[in-house]
């Protein structure tokens, strides 16, 4: 008996029908956010600057470490200024940010420098709020010494 090569077997038919369809990816639209928020986290080791919309959704972010500073140089005011300028450039160029509310958290050297860099970049600072955490009872005390 000769096999007929023109008719597909059952496994070939199933494989053809269940083939994955290529995904259609849409290009992400650039949001226009004229006013938003800037969250600055200034620690002794690094400064992180994040631009968000009014609800808190992240637009752009930068840090001193991402700008090429390493080691103890990341905690300096100059590194915070550069990080803030880089984030502001991206936020202004991509999203059209014109006015911001600033929320500063932490005790690092880059607190003031990051805010000053925003004003130099023609972004209007509407308000500055310090949201640094405050301990409300401290840590648990050590156990009592034995006599």
N, C-alpha and C. Protein backbone atom coordinates (compact mmCIF):
# COMPACT_ATOMS: atom_id res chain seq x y z
N UNK A 1 0.82 -1.18 0.00
CA UNK A 1 0.00 0.00 0.00
C UNK A 1 0.86 1.25 0.00
N UNK A 2 0.52 2.14 -0.84
CA UNK A 2 1.28 3.39 -0.92
C UNK A 2 0.62 4.44 -0.05
N UNK A 3 1.46 5.18 0.68
CA UNK A 3 0.93 6.25 1.55
C UNK A 3 0.70 7.50 0.72
N UNK A 4 -0.39 8.19 1.05
CA UNK A 4 -0.72 9.42 0.34
C UNK A 4 -0.03 10.59 1.04
N UNK A 5 0.91 11.26 0.36
CA UNK A 5 1.68 12.35 0.96
C UNK A 5 0.92 13.67 0.98
N UNK A 6 -0.16 13.78 0.25
CA UNK A 6 -0.86 15.06 0.16
C UNK A 6 -1.78 15.31 1.34
N UNK A 7 -2.31 14.29 1.99
CA UNK A 7 -3.20 14.51 3.13
C UNK A 7 -2.38 14.58 4.42
N UNK A 8 -2.60 15.61 5.20
CA UNK A 8 -1.83 15.73 6.45
C UNK A 8 -2.36 14.77 7.51
N UNK A 9 -1.46 14.36 8.39
CA UNK A 9 -1.89 13.48 9.47
C UNK A 9 -2.57 14.33 10.54
N UNK A 10 -3.17 13.68 11.52
CA UNK A 10 -3.91 14.42 12.55
C UNK A 10 -2.99 15.30 13.40
N UNK A 11 -1.77 14.89 13.64
CA UNK A 11 -0.86 15.69 14.47
C UNK A 11 -0.43 16.95 13.75
N UNK A 12 -0.25 16.88 12.44
CA UNK A 12 0.13 18.06 11.68
C UNK A 12 -0.99 19.09 11.67
N UNK A 13 -2.24 18.65 11.55
CA UNK A 13 -3.37 19.55 11.51
C UNK A 13 -3.52 20.28 12.85
N UNK A 14 -3.36 19.58 13.96
CA UNK A 14 -3.48 20.19 15.28
C UNK A 14 -2.37 21.21 15.49
N UNK A 15 -1.17 20.90 15.06
CA UNK A 15 -0.04 21.80 15.25
C UNK A 15 -0.24 23.09 14.45
N UNK A 16 -0.82 23.01 13.28
CA UNK A 16 -1.04 24.18 12.46
C UNK A 16 -2.10 25.09 13.06
N UNK A 17 -3.16 24.51 13.64
CA UNK A 17 -4.25 25.33 14.16
C UNK A 17 -3.90 25.98 15.50
N UNK A 18 -2.99 25.39 16.27
CA UNK A 18 -2.66 25.95 17.59
C UNK A 18 -1.37 26.77 17.56
N UNK A 19 -0.93 27.18 16.40
CA UNK A 19 0.30 27.98 16.31
C UNK A 19 0.06 29.34 16.97
N UNK A 20 1.03 29.81 17.77
CA UNK A 20 0.83 31.10 18.45
C UNK A 20 0.82 32.26 17.46
N UNK A 21 -0.10 33.19 17.71
CA UNK A 21 -0.20 34.35 16.84
C UNK A 21 0.81 35.40 17.29
N UNK A 22 1.39 36.12 16.36
CA UNK A 22 2.36 37.14 16.77
C UNK A 22 1.67 38.25 17.55
N UNK A 23 2.36 38.73 18.61
CA UNK A 23 1.79 39.79 19.44
C UNK A 23 1.88 41.12 18.72
N UNK A 24 0.80 41.88 18.82
CA UNK A 24 0.78 43.21 18.23
C UNK A 24 1.09 44.19 19.36
N UNK A 25 2.25 44.81 19.27
CA UNK A 25 2.64 45.74 20.34
C UNK A 25 2.35 47.16 19.91
N UNK A 26 1.64 47.88 20.77
CA UNK A 26 1.34 49.27 20.49
C UNK A 26 2.43 50.15 21.06
N UNK A 27 2.69 51.24 20.38
CA UNK A 27 3.69 52.17 20.86
C UNK A 27 3.11 52.94 22.05
N UNK A 28 3.87 53.02 23.14
CA UNK A 28 3.38 53.70 24.33
C UNK A 28 3.31 55.19 24.08
N UNK A 29 2.15 55.78 24.38
CA UNK A 29 1.98 57.20 24.14
C UNK A 29 2.66 58.00 25.24
N UNK A 30 3.23 59.13 24.88
CA UNK A 30 3.86 60.01 25.86
C UNK A 30 2.78 60.85 26.51
N UNK A 31 2.69 60.78 27.83
CA UNK A 31 1.69 61.54 28.55
C UNK A 31 2.14 62.98 28.73
N UNK A 32 1.22 63.89 28.62
CA UNK A 32 1.51 65.28 28.88
C UNK A 32 1.09 65.59 30.31
N UNK A 33 2.07 65.86 31.17
CA UNK A 33 1.81 66.12 32.58
C UNK A 33 2.38 67.49 32.92
N UNK A 34 1.57 68.56 32.82
CA UNK A 34 2.12 69.90 33.07
C UNK A 34 2.52 70.15 34.52
N UNK A 35 1.82 69.53 35.48
CA UNK A 35 2.20 69.70 36.88
C UNK A 35 2.25 68.33 37.55
N UNK A 36 3.23 68.16 38.42
CA UNK A 36 3.40 66.86 39.06
C UNK A 36 4.09 67.00 40.40
N UNK A 37 4.77 65.94 40.78
CA UNK A 37 5.46 65.90 42.07
C UNK A 37 6.90 65.46 41.84
N UNK A 38 7.78 65.91 42.74
CA UNK A 38 9.16 65.43 42.76
C UNK A 38 9.42 64.87 44.14
N UNK A 39 9.86 63.62 44.19
CA UNK A 39 10.21 62.98 45.45
C UNK A 39 11.73 62.87 45.50
N UNK A 40 12.33 63.49 46.51
CA UNK A 40 13.79 63.47 46.66
C UNK A 40 14.11 62.69 47.92
N UNK A 41 14.81 61.58 47.75
CA UNK A 41 15.25 60.79 48.90
C UNK A 41 16.75 61.01 49.05
N UNK A 42 17.12 61.75 50.09
CA UNK A 42 18.52 62.13 50.30
C UNK A 42 19.07 61.40 51.51
N UNK A 43 19.92 60.41 51.27
CA UNK A 43 20.58 59.71 52.36
C UNK A 43 22.04 60.14 52.39
N UNK A 44 22.78 59.61 53.34
CA UNK A 44 24.20 59.94 53.42
C UNK A 44 24.98 59.29 52.28
N UNK A 45 24.45 58.21 51.71
CA UNK A 45 25.17 57.46 50.68
C UNK A 45 24.72 57.74 49.25
N UNK A 46 23.52 58.28 49.05
CA UNK A 46 23.01 58.47 47.70
C UNK A 46 21.84 59.45 47.73
N UNK A 47 21.48 59.98 46.57
CA UNK A 47 20.30 60.83 46.43
C UNK A 47 19.50 60.34 45.23
N UNK A 48 18.22 60.06 45.45
CA UNK A 48 17.34 59.56 44.40
C UNK A 48 16.27 60.61 44.14
N UNK A 49 16.11 61.02 42.87
CA UNK A 49 15.13 62.02 42.47
C UNK A 49 14.13 61.35 41.54
N UNK A 50 12.83 61.42 41.88
CA UNK A 50 11.79 60.78 41.10
C UNK A 50 10.71 61.79 40.76
N UNK A 51 10.38 61.90 39.49
CA UNK A 51 9.27 62.75 39.03
C UNK A 51 8.05 61.86 38.89
N UNK A 52 6.92 62.30 39.46
CA UNK A 52 5.68 61.55 39.38
C UNK A 52 4.55 62.49 38.95
N UNK A 53 3.41 61.89 38.56
CA UNK A 53 2.22 62.71 38.30
C UNK A 53 1.55 63.01 39.64
N UNK A 54 0.39 63.64 39.61
CA UNK A 54 -0.29 64.03 40.85
C UNK A 54 -0.72 62.84 41.70
N UNK A 55 -0.97 61.70 41.06
CA UNK A 55 -1.40 60.51 41.80
C UNK A 55 -0.22 59.71 42.35
N UNK A 56 0.99 60.00 41.88
CA UNK A 56 2.16 59.28 42.36
C UNK A 56 2.71 58.27 41.37
N UNK A 57 2.19 58.24 40.15
CA UNK A 57 2.71 57.32 39.13
C UNK A 57 4.02 57.84 38.56
N UNK A 58 5.03 57.02 38.53
CA UNK A 58 6.37 57.45 38.16
C UNK A 58 6.46 57.85 36.70
N UNK A 59 7.08 59.00 36.45
CA UNK A 59 7.37 59.46 35.09
C UNK A 59 8.83 59.19 34.75
N UNK A 60 9.74 59.78 35.52
CA UNK A 60 11.17 59.56 35.33
C UNK A 60 11.85 59.51 36.69
N UNK A 61 13.05 58.98 36.70
CA UNK A 61 13.82 58.93 37.94
C UNK A 61 15.30 58.96 37.62
N UNK A 62 16.08 59.41 38.57
CA UNK A 62 17.53 59.40 38.43
C UNK A 62 18.14 59.37 39.82
N UNK A 63 19.37 58.94 39.88
CA UNK A 63 20.08 58.93 41.16
C UNK A 63 21.53 59.30 40.92
N UNK A 64 22.22 59.61 42.00
CA UNK A 64 23.62 59.97 41.88
C UNK A 64 24.44 58.79 41.36
N UNK A 65 24.07 57.60 41.77
CA UNK A 65 24.78 56.41 41.29
C UNK A 65 24.55 56.17 39.81
N UNK A 66 23.33 56.47 39.32
CA UNK A 66 23.02 56.29 37.89
C UNK A 66 23.73 57.33 37.04
N UNK A 67 24.14 58.44 37.64
CA UNK A 67 24.85 59.50 36.90
C UNK A 67 26.35 59.27 36.85
N UNK A 68 26.81 58.16 37.38
CA UNK A 68 28.23 57.83 37.27
C UNK A 68 29.06 58.07 38.51
N UNK A 69 28.45 58.56 39.58
CA UNK A 69 29.20 58.77 40.82
C UNK A 69 29.31 57.45 41.57
N UNK A 70 30.44 57.23 42.17
CA UNK A 70 30.68 55.98 42.88
C UNK A 70 31.21 56.27 44.28
N UNK A 71 30.94 55.35 45.19
CA UNK A 71 31.49 55.44 46.53
C UNK A 71 30.94 56.62 47.32
N UNK A 72 31.82 57.28 48.04
CA UNK A 72 31.40 58.37 48.92
C UNK A 72 31.00 59.62 48.14
N UNK A 73 31.35 59.69 46.84
CA UNK A 73 30.97 60.85 46.03
C UNK A 73 29.47 60.88 45.76
N UNK A 74 28.79 59.73 45.88
CA UNK A 74 27.35 59.68 45.62
C UNK A 74 26.56 60.51 46.62
N UNK A 75 27.06 60.67 47.81
CA UNK A 75 26.34 61.38 48.86
C UNK A 75 26.56 62.87 48.87
N UNK A 76 27.29 63.42 47.90
CA UNK A 76 27.60 64.84 47.90
C UNK A 76 26.47 65.66 47.30
N UNK A 77 26.52 66.97 47.58
CA UNK A 77 25.51 67.89 47.06
C UNK A 77 25.63 68.03 45.54
N UNK A 78 26.84 67.99 45.03
CA UNK A 78 27.04 68.12 43.58
C UNK A 78 26.43 66.92 42.84
N UNK A 79 26.59 65.73 43.39
CA UNK A 79 26.01 64.54 42.77
C UNK A 79 24.49 64.62 42.78
N UNK A 80 23.91 65.16 43.84
CA UNK A 80 22.45 65.33 43.90
C UNK A 80 21.98 66.34 42.87
N UNK A 81 22.76 67.39 42.66
CA UNK A 81 22.42 68.41 41.67
C UNK A 81 22.40 67.81 40.27
N UNK A 82 23.41 67.03 39.95
CA UNK A 82 23.50 66.40 38.63
C UNK A 82 22.34 65.41 38.43
N UNK A 83 22.02 64.63 39.47
CA UNK A 83 20.92 63.67 39.37
C UNK A 83 19.59 64.39 39.16
N UNK A 84 19.40 65.49 39.86
CA UNK A 84 18.17 66.26 39.73
C UNK A 84 18.06 66.88 38.34
N UNK A 85 19.15 67.38 37.81
CA UNK A 85 19.14 67.96 36.46
C UNK A 85 18.82 66.91 35.41
N UNK A 86 19.38 65.71 35.57
CA UNK A 86 19.13 64.65 34.60
C UNK A 86 17.66 64.22 34.62
N UNK A 87 17.09 64.09 35.82
CA UNK A 87 15.68 63.71 35.92
C UNK A 87 14.77 64.82 35.40
N UNK A 88 15.14 66.09 35.70
CA UNK A 88 14.34 67.23 35.25
C UNK A 88 14.35 67.35 33.73
N UNK A 89 15.50 67.10 33.13
CA UNK A 89 15.61 67.17 31.67
C UNK A 89 14.70 66.14 31.02
N UNK A 90 14.69 64.92 31.57
CA UNK A 90 13.85 63.87 31.01
C UNK A 90 12.36 64.18 31.23
N UNK A 91 12.02 64.69 32.41
CA UNK A 91 10.61 64.98 32.71
C UNK A 91 10.10 66.13 31.86
N UNK A 92 10.93 67.13 31.66
CA UNK A 92 10.51 68.29 30.88
C UNK A 92 10.44 67.94 29.39
N UNK A 93 11.39 67.19 28.92
CA UNK A 93 11.42 66.84 27.50
C UNK A 93 10.36 65.83 27.11
N UNK A 94 10.20 64.76 27.89
CA UNK A 94 9.27 63.69 27.53
C UNK A 94 7.83 63.99 27.93
N UNK A 95 7.63 64.65 29.07
CA UNK A 95 6.29 64.79 29.61
C UNK A 95 5.83 66.24 29.74
N UNK A 96 6.69 67.20 29.49
CA UNK A 96 6.30 68.60 29.53
C UNK A 96 5.98 69.13 30.92
N UNK A 97 6.72 68.68 31.92
CA UNK A 97 6.48 69.12 33.29
C UNK A 97 6.92 70.58 33.44
N UNK A 98 6.02 71.41 33.98
CA UNK A 98 6.32 72.84 34.16
C UNK A 98 6.33 73.26 35.62
N UNK A 99 5.47 72.65 36.45
CA UNK A 99 5.36 73.01 37.86
C UNK A 99 5.31 71.74 38.70
N UNK A 100 5.95 71.78 39.87
CA UNK A 100 6.02 70.59 40.71
C UNK A 100 5.85 70.96 42.18
N UNK A 101 5.39 69.97 42.93
CA UNK A 101 5.43 70.01 44.38
C UNK A 101 6.58 69.10 44.79
N UNK A 102 7.41 69.55 45.72
CA UNK A 102 8.60 68.79 46.10
C UNK A 102 8.38 68.14 47.45
N UNK A 103 8.67 66.85 47.54
CA UNK A 103 8.62 66.10 48.79
C UNK A 103 10.03 65.59 49.08
N UNK A 104 10.61 66.06 50.18
CA UNK A 104 11.99 65.71 50.52
C UNK A 104 11.98 64.73 51.69
N UNK A 105 12.72 63.64 51.54
CA UNK A 105 12.82 62.65 52.61
C UNK A 105 14.29 62.34 52.85
N UNK A 106 14.70 62.39 54.10
CA UNK A 106 16.07 62.04 54.45
C UNK A 106 16.87 63.22 54.95
N UNK A 107 18.11 62.92 55.36
CA UNK A 107 18.96 63.92 56.00
C UNK A 107 20.27 64.14 55.25
N UNK A 108 20.34 63.75 53.99
CA UNK A 108 21.59 63.82 53.25
C UNK A 108 21.96 65.22 52.81
N UNK A 109 23.14 65.34 52.25
CA UNK A 109 23.66 66.64 51.80
C UNK A 109 22.95 67.14 50.55
N UNK A 110 22.28 66.29 49.81
CA UNK A 110 21.70 66.67 48.54
C UNK A 110 20.31 67.26 48.60
N UNK A 111 19.78 67.49 49.79
CA UNK A 111 18.41 68.00 49.92
C UNK A 111 18.23 69.33 49.20
N UNK A 112 19.02 70.32 49.57
CA UNK A 112 18.87 71.67 49.01
C UNK A 112 19.36 71.75 47.57
N UNK A 113 20.46 71.06 47.30
CA UNK A 113 21.06 71.14 45.96
C UNK A 113 20.10 70.59 44.89
N UNK A 114 19.37 69.55 45.21
CA UNK A 114 18.44 68.96 44.24
C UNK A 114 17.29 69.92 43.93
N UNK A 115 16.82 70.63 44.95
CA UNK A 115 15.72 71.58 44.74
C UNK A 115 16.21 72.79 43.94
N UNK A 116 17.41 73.27 44.27
CA UNK A 116 17.98 74.41 43.53
C UNK A 116 18.18 74.08 42.07
N UNK A 117 18.55 72.85 41.77
CA UNK A 117 18.75 72.43 40.38
C UNK A 117 17.43 72.48 39.61
N UNK A 118 16.32 72.21 40.27
CA UNK A 118 15.01 72.28 39.60
C UNK A 118 14.68 73.71 39.20
N UNK A 119 14.94 74.66 40.10
CA UNK A 119 14.63 76.05 39.79
C UNK A 119 15.54 76.58 38.68
N UNK A 120 16.76 76.10 38.60
CA UNK A 120 17.66 76.49 37.52
C UNK A 120 17.21 75.92 36.18
N UNK A 121 16.38 74.89 36.21
CA UNK A 121 15.93 74.22 34.99
C UNK A 121 14.58 74.74 34.52
N UNK A 122 14.14 75.89 35.02
CA UNK A 122 12.88 76.53 34.66
C UNK A 122 11.67 75.65 34.98
N UNK A 123 11.73 74.96 36.10
CA UNK A 123 10.58 74.23 36.60
C UNK A 123 10.13 74.95 37.86
N UNK A 124 8.87 75.37 37.86
CA UNK A 124 8.34 76.15 38.98
C UNK A 124 8.09 75.23 40.17
N UNK A 125 8.66 75.57 41.33
CA UNK A 125 8.46 74.81 42.55
C UNK A 125 7.31 75.44 43.31
N UNK A 126 6.17 74.74 43.39
CA UNK A 126 4.98 75.29 44.04
C UNK A 126 5.05 75.17 45.56
N UNK A 127 5.54 74.05 46.06
CA UNK A 127 5.66 73.86 47.50
C UNK A 127 6.76 72.86 47.80
N UNK A 128 7.32 72.97 49.01
CA UNK A 128 8.35 72.04 49.46
C UNK A 128 7.87 71.47 50.79
N UNK A 129 7.80 70.16 50.86
CA UNK A 129 7.33 69.50 52.08
C UNK A 129 8.35 68.46 52.53
N UNK A 130 8.67 68.47 53.82
CA UNK A 130 9.60 67.49 54.38
C UNK A 130 8.80 66.31 54.91
N UNK A 131 9.04 65.14 54.35
CA UNK A 131 8.31 63.93 54.75
C UNK A 131 9.24 62.91 55.40
N UNK A 132 10.31 63.40 56.03
CA UNK A 132 11.25 62.51 56.71
C UNK A 132 10.55 61.83 57.88
N UNK A 133 10.77 60.54 58.00
CA UNK A 133 10.15 59.79 59.10
C UNK A 133 10.71 60.21 60.45
N UNK A 134 9.83 60.26 61.44
CA UNK A 134 10.23 60.63 62.79
C UNK A 134 9.96 59.44 63.71
N UNK A 135 10.97 58.98 64.45
CA UNK A 135 10.72 57.87 65.36
C UNK A 135 9.79 58.30 66.50
N UNK A 136 8.86 57.46 66.86
CA UNK A 136 7.86 57.83 67.87
C UNK A 136 7.91 56.93 69.09
N UNK A 137 9.05 56.55 69.53
CA UNK A 137 9.15 55.69 70.71
C UNK A 137 10.53 55.06 70.76
N UNK A 138 11.23 55.18 69.65
CA UNK A 138 12.58 54.65 69.61
C UNK A 138 12.62 53.14 69.49
N UNK A 139 13.81 52.63 69.58
CA UNK A 139 14.00 51.18 69.49
C UNK A 139 13.77 50.55 70.86
N UNK A 140 13.64 49.26 70.87
CA UNK A 140 13.41 48.53 72.11
C UNK A 140 14.66 48.62 72.98
N UNK A 141 14.50 48.92 74.27
CA UNK A 141 15.68 49.04 75.13
C UNK A 141 16.35 47.68 75.35
N UNK A 142 17.62 47.74 75.67
CA UNK A 142 18.37 46.52 75.95
C UNK A 142 17.87 45.88 77.24
N UNK A 143 18.14 44.58 77.37
CA UNK A 143 17.71 43.92 78.60
C UNK A 143 18.55 44.42 79.77
N UNK A 144 18.01 44.34 80.96
CA UNK A 144 18.67 44.85 82.16
C UNK A 144 19.92 44.02 82.47
N UNK A 145 20.96 44.69 82.97
CA UNK A 145 22.20 43.96 83.33
C UNK A 145 21.98 43.15 84.59
N UNK A 146 22.64 42.03 84.61
CA UNK A 146 22.55 41.19 85.81
C UNK A 146 23.55 41.68 86.84
N UNK A 147 23.19 41.52 88.11
CA UNK A 147 24.08 41.98 89.18
C UNK A 147 25.16 41.00 89.52
